[in-house]
Amino acid sequence: MNIFVFDIETIPDVESGRRLYNLDGLSDEDSGKAMLHTRQQKTGSEFLPLHLHRICAISVVLRHADRVKVWSLGEADSDEAELVQRFFDGIDKFMPTLVSWNGGGFDLPVLHYRALLHGVQAPRYWDNGSDDRDFKWNNYLSRYHERHTDLMDVLAGYQMRASAKLDEVATMLGFPGKMGMSGARVWDAFLAGEIEAIRNYCESDVLNTFLVYLRFQLIRGHLTGAAYQQELELLRATLEQEDKPHFREFLENWVAR
């Protein structure tokens, strides 16, 4: 098993916003407000177009060999280019199965635009069979291939009207769901200098995604009941050993089933 579960948190790309909306001279906070207001006026929602999302955190669960590891890429003060580079470096190194919740609709397109902005090379990720023939029939780019498994998309049968929120599905299954923050609060937290809180929140999201993925592997017959329980116990033991406050809170809210 070589699984790379990921989640990103984003804030307005105020630098690009200044260029696109003639916001020179405004602070980051005021530029962000102007961008969100412009979007609200145009669409009725403050949700920015994907190319104007700047990544401030990428968290992952890596299930490799006999270990599971949970962490956020880079350091709290790492710039966006480093975070994006580390993400694609991980794909080159482990060539894993990527797992996400709505990664095809949000996380990966954002990563594409940010890689484009920073000139981050990722030949293995972009290969669709021209370099490795095995990637022709199973690559990271196709919606229906398994090198990237977007759980929201797959479980909804690729029907957007059937899609569900990660928080609700995780809670339904007895997992902790959202804890302490929401995506809508990330910008305010970033402005307040609370990057560690954002990274911790992102790690809780990616843990929920991993747990849902394990249940998905169970129902599709890729894990036996006993193997599924072993995976849960391995994750519990890992979080207990790490003994971080947000991991302790996650364990406290994890209902045994």
C-alpha atoms as a PDB file:
ATOM      1  CA  MET A   1       0.000   0.000   0.000  1.00  0.00           C
ATOM      2  CA  ASN A   2       1.450   3.337  -1.071  1.00  0.00           C
ATOM      3  CA  ILE A   3      -1.235   5.946  -0.444  1.00  0.00           C
ATOM      4  CA  PHE A   4      -0.801   9.738  -0.475  1.00  0.00           C
ATOM      5  CA  VAL A   5      -3.893  11.475   0.907  1.00  0.00           C
ATOM      6  CA  PHE A   6      -3.803  15.257   0.575  1.00  0.00           C
ATOM      7  CA  ASP A   7      -5.707  18.423   1.288  1.00  0.00           C
ATOM      8  CA  ILE A   8      -4.910  22.094   0.725  1.00  0.00           C
ATOM      9  CA  GLU A   9      -5.941  25.338   2.384  1.00  0.00           C
ATOM     10  CA  THR A  10      -5.995  28.548   0.391  1.00  0.00           C
ATOM     11  CA  ILE A  11      -6.225  32.319   0.735  1.00  0.00           C
ATOM     12  CA  PRO A  12      -6.793  35.029  -1.877  1.00  0.00           C
ATOM     13  CA  ASP A  13      -3.832  35.541  -4.219  1.00  0.00           C
ATOM     14  CA  VAL A  14      -3.671  39.260  -3.489  1.00  0.00           C
ATOM     15  CA  GLU A  15      -0.559  39.770  -5.622  1.00  0.00           C
ATOM     16  CA  SER A  16      -2.340  38.566  -8.745  1.00  0.00           C
ATOM     17  CA  GLY A  17      -5.495  40.342  -7.627  1.00  0.00           C
ATOM     18  CA  ARG A  18      -3.681  43.656  -7.589  1.00  0.00           C
ATOM     19  CA  ARG A  19      -2.600  43.142 -11.191  1.00  0.00           C
ATOM     20  CA  LEU A  20      -5.955  41.914 -12.438  1.00  0.00           C
ATOM     21  CA  TYR A  21      -8.195  44.371 -10.598  1.00  0.00           C
ATOM     22  CA  ASN A  22      -5.953  47.456 -10.447  1.00  0.00           C
ATOM     23  CA  LEU A  23      -5.582  47.341  -6.674  1.00  0.00           C
ATOM     24  CA  ASP A  24      -2.105  48.879  -6.449  1.00  0.00           C
ATOM     25  CA  GLY A  25      -1.431  50.585  -3.144  1.00  0.00           C
ATOM     26  CA  LEU A  26      -3.859  48.503  -1.098  1.00  0.00           C
ATOM     27  CA  SER A  27      -2.700  46.315   1.783  1.00  0.00           C
ATOM     28  CA  ASP A  28      -3.030  42.540   1.578  1.00  0.00           C
ATOM     29  CA  GLU A  29      -6.108  42.658   3.788  1.00  0.00           C
ATOM     30  CA  ASP A  30      -7.793  45.391   1.750  1.00  0.00           C
ATOM     31  CA  SER A  31      -6.833  43.748  -1.531  1.00  0.00           C
ATOM     32  CA  GLY A  32      -8.382  40.501  -0.341  1.00  0.00           C
ATOM     33  CA  LYS A  33     -11.550  42.299   0.717  1.00  0.00           C
ATOM     34  CA  ALA A  34     -11.789  43.982  -2.685  1.00  0.00           C
ATOM     35  CA  MET A  35     -11.335  40.664  -4.489  1.00  0.00           C
ATOM     36  CA  LEU A  36     -13.983  38.934  -2.391  1.00  0.00           C
ATOM     37  CA  HIS A  37     -16.389  41.845  -2.789  1.00  0.00           C
ATOM     38  CA  THR A  38     -15.897  41.897  -6.558  1.00  0.00           C
ATOM     39  CA  ARG A  39     -16.584  38.170  -6.727  1.00  0.00           C
ATOM     40  CA  GLN A  40     -19.662  38.531  -4.526  1.00  0.00           C
ATOM     41  CA  GLN A  41     -21.046  41.245  -6.774  1.00  0.00           C
ATOM     42  CA  LYS A  42     -20.414  39.174  -9.884  1.00  0.00           C
ATOM     43  CA  THR A  43     -21.575  35.723  -8.796  1.00  0.00           C
ATOM     44  CA  GLY A  44     -23.408  36.072  -5.479  1.00  0.00           C
ATOM     45  CA  SER A  45     -20.614  34.176  -3.708  1.00  0.00           C
ATOM     46  CA  GLU A  46     -17.218  35.215  -2.370  1.00  0.00           C
ATOM     47  CA  PHE A  47     -15.645  31.982  -3.606  1.00  0.00           C
ATOM     48  CA  LEU A  48     -12.820  33.088  -5.895  1.00  0.00           C
ATOM     49  CA  PRO A  49     -11.994  31.513  -9.268  1.00  0.00           C
ATOM     50  CA  LEU A  50      -9.486  28.718  -8.768  1.00  0.00           C
ATOM     51  CA  HIS A  51      -6.535  30.510 -10.384  1.00  0.00           C
ATOM     52  CA  LEU A  52      -6.798  33.223  -7.722  1.00  0.00           C
ATOM     53  CA  HIS A  53      -6.374  30.867  -4.769  1.00  0.00           C
ATOM     54  CA  ARG A  54      -2.957  30.960  -3.111  1.00  0.00           C
ATOM     55  CA  ILE A  55      -1.961  27.831  -1.198  1.00  0.00           C
ATOM     56  CA  CYS A  56      -0.994  28.422   2.426  1.00  0.00           C
ATOM     57  CA  ALA A  57      -1.003  24.794   3.646  1.00  0.00           C
ATOM     58  CA  ILE A  58      -0.791  21.295   2.203  1.00  0.00           C
ATOM     59  CA  SER A  59      -1.325  18.407   4.591  1.00  0.00           C
ATOM     60  CA  VAL A  60      -0.867  14.746   3.793  1.00  0.00           C
ATOM     61  CA  VAL A  61      -1.270  11.251   5.150  1.00  0.00           C
ATOM     62  CA  LEU A  62       1.309   8.893   3.683  1.00  0.00           C
ATOM     63  CA  ARG A  63       0.652   5.180   4.083  1.00  0.00           C
ATOM     64  CA  HIS A  64       3.901   3.528   3.043  1.00  0.00           C
ATOM     65  CA  ALA A  65       5.410   0.124   3.894  1.00  0.00           C
ATOM     66  CA  ASP A  66       4.411  -0.606   7.510  1.00  0.00           C
ATOM     67  CA  ARG A  67       4.011   3.033   8.565  1.00  0.00           C
ATOM     68  CA  VAL A  68       1.523   5.848   8.383  1.00  0.00           C
ATOM     69  CA  LYS A  69       2.689   9.461   8.654  1.00  0.00           C
ATOM     70  CA  VAL A  70       0.606  12.627   9.043  1.00  0.00           C
ATOM     71  CA  TRP A  71       2.136  16.054   8.507  1.00  0.00           C
ATOM     72  CA  SER A  72       1.985  19.376   6.706  1.00  0.00           C
ATOM     73  CA  LEU A  73       4.510  20.012   3.957  1.00  0.00           C
ATOM     74  CA  GLY A  74       7.305  22.482   4.597  1.00  0.00           C
ATOM     75  CA  GLU A  75       7.464  24.742   7.618  1.00  0.00           C
ATOM     76  CA  ALA A  76       5.047  27.365   8.891  1.00  0.00           C
ATOM     77  CA  ASP A  77       7.092  30.067   7.150  1.00  0.00           C
ATOM     78  CA  SER A  78       7.631  28.171   3.873  1.00  0.00           C
ATOM     79  CA  ASP A  79       6.547  30.089   0.798  1.00  0.00           C
ATOM     80  CA  GLU A  80       3.961  28.771  -1.624  1.00  0.00           C
ATOM     81  CA  ALA A  81       6.486  27.724  -4.266  1.00  0.00           C
ATOM     82  CA  GLU A  82       8.199  25.416  -1.766  1.00  0.00           C
ATOM     83  CA  LEU A  83       4.911  23.826  -0.702  1.00  0.00           C
ATOM     84  CA  VAL A  84       3.907  23.132  -4.296  1.00  0.00           C
ATOM     85  CA  GLN A  85       7.361  21.798  -5.151  1.00  0.00           C
ATOM     86  CA  ARG A  86       7.324  19.451  -2.156  1.00  0.00           C
ATOM     87  CA  PHE A  87       3.907  18.114  -3.159  1.00  0.00           C
ATOM     88  CA  PHE A  88       5.014  17.166  -6.649  1.00  0.00           C
ATOM     89  CA  ASP A  89       8.390  15.906  -5.376  1.00  0.00           C
ATOM     90  CA  GLY A  90       6.444  13.452  -3.207  1.00  0.00           C
ATOM     91  CA  ILE A  91       4.680  12.118  -6.286  1.00  0.00           C
ATOM     92  CA  ASP A  92       7.982  11.699  -8.109  1.00  0.00           C
ATOM     93  CA  LYS A  93       9.536   9.903  -5.119  1.00  0.00           C
ATOM     94  CA  PHE A  94       6.731   7.528  -4.119  1.00  0.00           C
ATOM     95  CA  MET A  95       4.596   7.379  -7.292  1.00  0.00           C
ATOM     96  CA  PRO A  96       1.620   6.821  -4.982  1.00  0.00           C
ATOM     97  CA  THR A  97      -2.097   6.585  -5.335  1.00  0.00           C
ATOM     98  CA  LEU A  98      -3.333  10.118  -4.659  1.00  0.00           C
ATOM     99  CA  VAL A  99      -6.483  10.331  -2.549  1.00  0.00           C
ATOM    100  CA  SER A 100      -8.588  13.432  -1.990  1.00  0.00           C
ATOM    101  CA  TRP A 101     -12.049  14.743  -1.289  1.00  0.00           C
ATOM    102  CA  ASN A 102     -13.023  16.957  -4.233  1.00  0.00           C
ATOM    103  CA  GLY A 103      -9.392  17.032  -5.311  1.00  0.00           C
ATOM    104  CA  GLY A 104     -10.398  16.820  -8.955  1.00  0.00           C
ATOM    105  CA  GLY A 105     -12.727  19.771  -8.640  1.00  0.00           C
ATOM    106  CA  PHE A 106     -10.597  22.003  -6.420  1.00  0.00           C
ATOM    107  CA  ASP A 107      -7.243  20.939  -4.960  1.00  0.00           C
ATOM    108  CA  LEU A 108      -5.535  19.661  -8.096  1.00  0.00           C
ATOM    109  CA  PRO A 109      -6.657  22.477 -10.435  1.00  0.00           C
ATOM    110  CA  VAL A 110      -5.401  24.976  -7.843  1.00  0.00           C
ATOM    111  CA  LEU A 111      -2.096  23.096  -7.644  1.00  0.00           C
ATOM    112  CA  HIS A 112      -1.901  23.180 -11.449  1.00  0.00           C
ATOM    113  CA  TYR A 113      -2.288  26.965 -11.572  1.00  0.00           C
ATOM    114  CA  ARG A 114       0.184  27.507  -8.749  1.00  0.00           C
ATOM    115  CA  ALA A 115       2.738  25.191 -10.373  1.00  0.00           C
ATOM    116  CA  LEU A 116       2.255  27.183 -13.567  1.00  0.00           C
ATOM    117  CA  LEU A 117       2.826  30.440 -11.687  1.00  0.00           C
ATOM    118  CA  HIS A 118       5.990  29.227  -9.949  1.00  0.00           C
ATOM    119  CA  GLY A 119       7.388  27.107 -12.785  1.00  0.00           C
ATOM    120  CA  VAL A 120       7.279  23.888 -10.751  1.00  0.00           C
ATOM    121  CA  GLN A 121       8.188  20.870 -12.877  1.00  0.00           C
ATOM    122  CA  ALA A 122       6.344  17.598 -12.297  1.00  0.00           C
ATOM    123  CA  PRO A 123       6.986  15.251 -15.251  1.00  0.00           C
ATOM    124  CA  ARG A 124       5.741  12.115 -13.506  1.00  0.00           C
ATOM    125  CA  TYR A 125       2.471  13.764 -12.493  1.00  0.00           C
ATOM    126  CA  TRP A 126       1.759  15.097 -16.004  1.00  0.00           C
ATOM    127  CA  ASP A 127       2.685  11.887 -17.831  1.00  0.00           C
ATOM    128  CA  ASN A 128      -0.263  10.352 -19.668  1.00  0.00           C
ATOM    129  CA  GLY A 129       1.675   7.596 -21.384  1.00  0.00           C
ATOM    130  CA  SER A 130       4.204   9.440 -23.529  1.00  0.00           C
ATOM    131  CA  ASP A 131       7.087   8.640 -21.121  1.00  0.00           C
ATOM    132  CA  ASP A 132       5.755   5.545 -19.362  1.00  0.00           C
ATOM    133  CA  ARG A 133       3.320   3.337 -21.279  1.00  0.00           C
ATOM    134  CA  ASP A 134       1.742   2.138 -18.028  1.00  0.00           C
ATOM    135  CA  PHE A 135       0.469   5.674 -17.499  1.00  0.00           C
ATOM    136  CA  LYS A 136      -1.600   5.575 -20.684  1.00  0.00           C
ATOM    137  CA  TRP A 137      -4.281   3.528 -18.966  1.00  0.00           C
ATOM    138  CA  ASN A 138      -3.802   4.699 -15.379  1.00  0.00           C
ATOM    139  CA  ASN A 139      -2.502   8.227 -14.782  1.00  0.00           C
ATOM    140  CA  TYR A 140      -3.048  11.141 -12.416  1.00  0.00           C
ATOM    141  CA  LEU A 141      -4.949  13.269 -14.925  1.00  0.00           C
ATOM    142  CA  SER A 142      -7.890  11.109 -15.945  1.00  0.00           C
ATOM    143  CA  ARG A 143     -11.036  11.475 -13.882  1.00  0.00           C
ATOM    144  CA  TYR A 144     -11.732   7.759 -14.108  1.00  0.00           C
ATOM    145  CA  HIS A 145      -8.262   6.389 -13.377  1.00  0.00           C
ATOM    146  CA  GLU A 146      -7.154   5.290  -9.920  1.00  0.00           C
ATOM    147  CA  ARG A 147      -3.763   6.977  -9.563  1.00  0.00           C
ATOM    148  CA  HIS A 148      -5.886   9.812  -8.244  1.00  0.00           C
ATOM    149  CA  THR A 149      -8.982   8.702  -6.363  1.00  0.00           C
ATOM    150  CA  ASP A 150     -11.304  11.625  -5.684  1.00  0.00           C
ATOM    151  CA  LEU A 151     -13.560  10.063  -3.068  1.00  0.00           C
ATOM    152  CA  MET A 152     -16.281  12.683  -3.367  1.00  0.00           C
ATOM    153  CA  ASP A 153     -16.478  12.110  -7.112  1.00  0.00           C
ATOM    154  CA  VAL A 154     -16.316   8.308  -6.965  1.00  0.00           C
ATOM    155  CA  LEU A 155     -18.823   7.871  -4.139  1.00  0.00           C
ATOM    156  CA  ALA A 156     -21.265  10.193  -5.916  1.00  0.00           C
ATOM    157  CA  GLY A 157     -21.033   8.060  -9.041  1.00  0.00           C
ATOM    158  CA  TYR A 158     -19.536  11.081 -10.859  1.00  0.00           C
ATOM    159  CA  GLN A 159     -22.845  12.927 -10.422  1.00  0.00           C
ATOM    160  CA  MET A 160     -22.421  16.393  -8.912  1.00  0.00           C
ATOM    161  CA  ARG A 161     -26.005  16.422  -7.620  1.00  0.00           C
ATOM    162  CA  ALA A 162     -25.129  13.346  -5.535  1.00  0.00           C
ATOM    163  CA  SER A 163     -21.964  14.777  -3.988  1.00  0.00           C
ATOM    164  CA  ALA A 164     -21.655  15.205  -0.227  1.00  0.00           C
ATOM    165  CA  LYS A 165     -19.527  17.196   2.191  1.00  0.00           C
ATOM    166  CA  LEU A 166     -16.540  15.486   3.785  1.00  0.00           C
ATOM    167  CA  ASP A 167     -17.576  16.731   7.222  1.00  0.00           C
ATOM    168  CA  GLU A 168     -21.001  15.110   6.973  1.00  0.00           C
ATOM    169  CA  VAL A 169     -19.781  11.802   5.560  1.00  0.00           C
ATOM    170  CA  ALA A 170     -16.975  11.549   8.139  1.00  0.00           C
ATOM    171  CA  THR A 171     -19.350  12.354  11.009  1.00  0.00           C
ATOM    172  CA  MET A 172     -21.901   9.862   9.665  1.00  0.00           C
ATOM    173  CA  LEU A 173     -19.208   7.167   9.858  1.00  0.00           C
ATOM    174  CA  GLY A 174     -18.222   8.037  13.422  1.00  0.00           C
ATOM    175  CA  PHE A 175     -15.098   9.985  12.522  1.00  0.00           C
ATOM    176  CA  PRO A 176     -14.420  13.437  13.990  1.00  0.00           C
ATOM    177  CA  GLY A 177     -15.317  15.617  10.997  1.00  0.00           C
ATOM    178  CA  LYS A 178     -14.507  19.344  11.108  1.00  0.00           C
ATOM    179  CA  MET A 179     -12.752  20.547  14.217  1.00  0.00           C
ATOM    180  CA  GLY A 180     -11.984  24.106  15.297  1.00  0.00           C
ATOM    181  CA  MET A 181     -12.136  25.879  11.951  1.00  0.00           C
ATOM    182  CA  SER A 182     -13.689  25.934   8.495  1.00  0.00           C
ATOM    183  CA  GLY A 183     -12.352  26.834   5.077  1.00  0.00           C
ATOM    184  CA  ALA A 184     -14.246  30.139   5.246  1.00  0.00           C
ATOM    185  CA  ARG A 185     -12.196  31.197   8.285  1.00  0.00           C
ATOM    186  CA  VAL A 186      -8.759  30.442   6.851  1.00  0.00           C
ATOM    187  CA  TRP A 187      -8.210  33.935   5.403  1.00  0.00           C
ATOM    188  CA  ASP A 188      -9.004  35.636   8.714  1.00  0.00           C
ATOM    189  CA  ALA A 189      -6.773  33.167  10.560  1.00  0.00           C
ATOM    190  CA  PHE A 190      -3.950  33.803   8.100  1.00  0.00           C
ATOM    191  CA  LEU A 191      -4.233  37.573   8.541  1.00  0.00           C
ATOM    192  CA  ALA A 192      -4.052  37.013  12.298  1.00  0.00           C
ATOM    193  CA  GLY A 193      -0.808  35.044  11.897  1.00  0.00           C
ATOM    194  CA  GLU A 194      -2.399  31.738  12.905  1.00  0.00           C
ATOM    195  CA  ILE A 195      -0.669  29.601  10.280  1.00  0.00           C
ATOM    196  CA  GLU A 196      -0.092  26.715  12.707  1.00  0.00           C
ATOM    197  CA  ALA A 197      -3.826  26.589  13.453  1.00  0.00           C
ATOM    198  CA  ILE A 198      -4.477  26.435   9.694  1.00  0.00           C
ATOM    199  CA  ARG A 199      -1.983  23.593   9.260  1.00  0.00           C
ATOM    200  CA  ASN A 200      -3.523  21.697  12.189  1.00  0.00           C
ATOM    201  CA  TYR A 201      -7.004  22.166  10.716  1.00  0.00           C
ATOM    202  CA  CYS A 202      -5.783  20.919   7.340  1.00  0.00           C
ATOM    203  CA  GLU A 203      -4.277  17.847   9.012  1.00  0.00           C
ATOM    204  CA  SER A 204      -7.621  17.026  10.638  1.00  0.00           C
ATOM    205  CA  ASP A 205      -9.297  17.230   7.221  1.00  0.00           C
ATOM    206  CA  VAL A 206      -6.769  14.919   5.634  1.00  0.00           C
ATOM    207  CA  LEU A 207      -7.149  12.446   8.509  1.00  0.00           C
ATOM    208  CA  ASN A 208     -10.916  12.354   7.929  1.00  0.00           C
ATOM    209  CA  THR A 209     -10.288  11.782   4.232  1.00  0.00           C
ATOM    210  CA  PHE A 210      -7.920   8.897   4.967  1.00  0.00           C
ATOM    211  CA  LEU A 211     -10.441   7.265   7.284  1.00  0.00           C
ATOM    212  CA  VAL A 212     -13.192   7.533   4.670  1.00  0.00           C
ATOM    213  CA  TYR A 213     -10.779   6.051   2.117  1.00  0.00           C
ATOM    214  CA  LEU A 214     -10.101   3.062   4.377  1.00  0.00           C
ATOM    215  CA  ARG A 215     -13.848   2.464   4.646  1.00  0.00           C
ATOM    216  CA  PHE A 216     -14.087   2.739   0.854  1.00  0.00           C
ATOM    217  CA  GLN A 217     -11.343   0.114   0.516  1.00  0.00           C
ATOM    218  CA  LEU A 218     -13.340  -2.099   2.852  1.00  0.00           C
ATOM    219  CA  ILE A 219     -16.598  -1.905   0.867  1.00  0.00           C
ATOM    220  CA  ARG A 220     -14.857  -2.531  -2.450  1.00  0.00           C
ATOM    221  CA  GLY A 221     -13.163  -5.649  -1.046  1.00  0.00           C
ATOM    222  CA  HIS A 222      -9.605  -4.315  -1.121  1.00  0.00           C
ATOM    223  CA  LEU A 223      -9.405  -4.660   2.667  1.00  0.00           C
ATOM    224  CA  THR A 224     -10.818  -7.507   4.718  1.00  0.00           C
ATOM    225  CA  GLY A 225     -12.635  -6.651   7.914  1.00  0.00           C
ATOM    226  CA  ALA A 226      -9.587  -7.662   9.936  1.00  0.00           C
ATOM    227  CA  ALA A 227      -7.210  -5.671   7.726  1.00  0.00           C
ATOM    228  CA  TYR A 228      -9.469  -2.634   7.992  1.00  0.00           C
ATOM    229  CA  GLN A 229      -9.365  -2.788  11.781  1.00  0.00           C
ATOM    230  CA  GLN A 230      -5.589  -3.146  11.672  1.00  0.00           C
ATOM    231  CA  GLU A 231      -5.360   0.042   9.584  1.00  0.00           C
ATOM    232  CA  LEU A 232      -7.507   1.908  12.110  1.00  0.00           C
ATOM    233  CA  GLU A 233      -5.371   0.698  14.989  1.00  0.00           C
ATOM    234  CA  LEU A 234      -2.173   1.683  13.189  1.00  0.00           C
ATOM    235  CA  LEU A 235      -3.505   5.201  12.704  1.00  0.00           C
ATOM    236  CA  ARG A 236      -4.677   5.439  16.313  1.00  0.00           C
ATOM    237  CA  ALA A 237      -1.286   4.287  17.569  1.00  0.00           C
ATOM    238  CA  THR A 238       0.499   6.778  15.317  1.00  0.00           C
ATOM    239  CA  LEU A 239      -1.598   9.711  16.550  1.00  0.00           C
ATOM    240  CA  GLU A 240      -1.165   8.639  20.169  1.00  0.00           C
ATOM    241  CA  GLN A 241       2.593   8.415  19.734  1.00  0.00           C
ATOM    242  CA  GLU A 242       2.763  11.868  18.109  1.00  0.00           C
ATOM    243  CA  ASP A 243       0.801  13.232  21.088  1.00  0.00           C
ATOM    244  CA  LYS A 244       0.031  16.620  19.540  1.00  0.00           C
ATOM    245  CA  PRO A 245      -2.929  18.593  20.953  1.00  0.00           C
ATOM    246  CA  HIS A 246      -4.944  18.501  17.718  1.00  0.00           C
ATOM    247  CA  PHE A 247      -4.256  14.771  17.339  1.00  0.00           C
ATOM    248  CA  ARG A 248      -5.432  14.172  20.918  1.00  0.00           C
ATOM    249  CA  GLU A 249      -8.609  16.123  20.149  1.00  0.00           C
ATOM    250  CA  PHE A 250      -9.097  14.085  16.979  1.00  0.00           C
ATOM    251  CA  LEU A 251      -8.812  10.832  18.920  1.00  0.00           C
ATOM    252  CA  GLU A 252     -11.237  12.071  21.575  1.00  0.00           C
ATOM    253  CA  ASN A 253     -13.841  12.789  18.890  1.00  0.00           C
ATOM    254  CA  TRP A 254     -13.320   9.537  17.022  1.00  0.00           C
ATOM    255  CA  VAL A 255     -16.266   7.281  17.859  1.00  0.00           C
ATOM    256  CA  ALA A 256     -15.298   3.610  18.012  1.00  0.00           C
ATOM    257  CA  ARG A 257     -17.226   1.402  15.586  1.00  0.00           C
END
